[in-house]
């Protein structure tokens, strides 16, 4: 229960960080926003995606974190 509480708060902070960085979807995380922009060819996003993905691999995640976090159906519904 406490673990879920902590995870929910970390996700909320991540979404807030996305908004502070200029994201226009308050329900989107930084990873998702970076992944979408990397797919669309933004140079800065490709660099950021590599850095974020490397961090998550070090934390034990599979490669490709940013693009796996994209929820296209939610984003396109806006």
Protein backbone atom coordinates (compact mmCIF):
# COMPACT_ATOMS: atom_id res chain seq x y z
CA UNK A 1 0.00 0.00 0.00
CA UNK A 2 2.75 2.47 0.92
CA UNK A 3 4.69 1.40 -2.18
CA UNK A 4 1.74 2.29 -4.44
CA UNK A 5 1.35 5.62 -2.64
CA UNK A 6 5.00 6.46 -3.30
CA UNK A 7 4.77 5.35 -6.94
CA UNK A 8 1.63 7.46 -7.51
CA UNK A 9 3.39 10.51 -6.08
CA UNK A 10 6.46 9.95 -8.25
CA UNK A 11 4.26 9.74 -11.35
CA UNK A 12 2.47 12.94 -10.33
CA UNK A 13 5.84 14.71 -9.91
CA UNK A 14 6.92 13.42 -13.32
CA UNK A 15 3.73 14.76 -14.94
CA UNK A 16 4.16 18.08 -13.16
CA UNK A 17 7.76 18.24 -14.41
CA UNK A 18 6.50 17.74 -17.95
CA UNK A 19 4.10 20.67 -17.55
CA UNK A 20 6.86 22.86 -16.08
CA UNK A 21 9.03 22.05 -19.10
CA UNK A 22 6.31 23.23 -21.47
CA UNK A 23 4.34 20.04 -22.06
CA UNK A 24 0.77 20.69 -23.16
CA UNK A 25 -0.74 17.47 -21.78
CA UNK A 26 -0.83 17.48 -17.95
CA UNK A 27 -1.42 13.71 -17.91
CA UNK A 28 1.80 12.94 -19.83
CA UNK A 29 5.14 12.07 -18.23
CA UNK A 30 8.48 13.52 -19.28
CA UNK A 31 9.51 10.13 -20.71
CA UNK A 32 6.41 9.90 -22.89
CA UNK A 33 6.78 13.47 -24.15
CA UNK A 34 10.45 12.91 -24.99
CA UNK A 35 9.68 9.58 -26.70
CA UNK A 36 6.99 11.15 -28.92
CA UNK A 37 9.21 14.01 -29.92
CA UNK A 38 12.14 11.67 -30.63
CA UNK A 39 9.92 9.65 -32.99
CA UNK A 40 8.98 12.90 -34.72
CA UNK A 41 12.68 13.64 -35.30
CA UNK A 42 13.45 16.36 -32.75
CA UNK A 43 17.22 16.28 -32.27
CA UNK A 44 17.15 17.38 -28.62
CA UNK A 45 14.55 14.69 -27.89
CA UNK A 46 16.67 11.93 -29.42
CA UNK A 47 19.54 12.94 -27.13
CA UNK A 48 17.25 13.19 -24.09
CA UNK A 49 15.67 9.83 -24.95
CA UNK A 50 19.08 8.14 -24.98
CA UNK A 51 19.95 9.64 -21.60
CA UNK A 52 16.61 8.74 -19.98
CA UNK A 53 16.63 5.22 -21.44
CA UNK A 54 20.19 4.66 -20.20
CA UNK A 55 19.17 5.75 -16.69
CA UNK A 56 16.24 3.34 -16.64
CA UNK A 57 18.43 0.48 -17.93
CA UNK A 58 20.77 1.16 -14.99
CA UNK A 59 17.72 0.96 -12.70
CA UNK A 60 16.85 -2.46 -14.13
CA UNK A 61 14.33 -1.61 -16.85
CA UNK A 62 14.36 -2.90 -20.42
CA UNK A 63 15.76 -0.63 -23.17
CA UNK A 64 13.32 1.72 -24.91
CA UNK A 65 11.67 3.17 -21.79
CA UNK A 66 10.57 6.48 -23.34
CA UNK A 67 8.78 5.00 -26.33
CA UNK A 68 7.14 2.28 -24.21
CA UNK A 69 5.64 5.02 -21.99
CA UNK A 70 3.75 6.68 -24.85
CA UNK A 71 -0.02 6.23 -24.55
CA UNK A 72 -0.98 7.17 -28.11
CA UNK A 73 -4.69 6.54 -27.68
CA UNK A 74 -4.83 8.91 -24.71
CA UNK A 75 -2.79 11.60 -26.43
CA UNK A 76 -4.76 11.42 -29.68
CA UNK A 77 -8.08 11.64 -27.81
CA UNK A 78 -7.30 15.19 -26.68
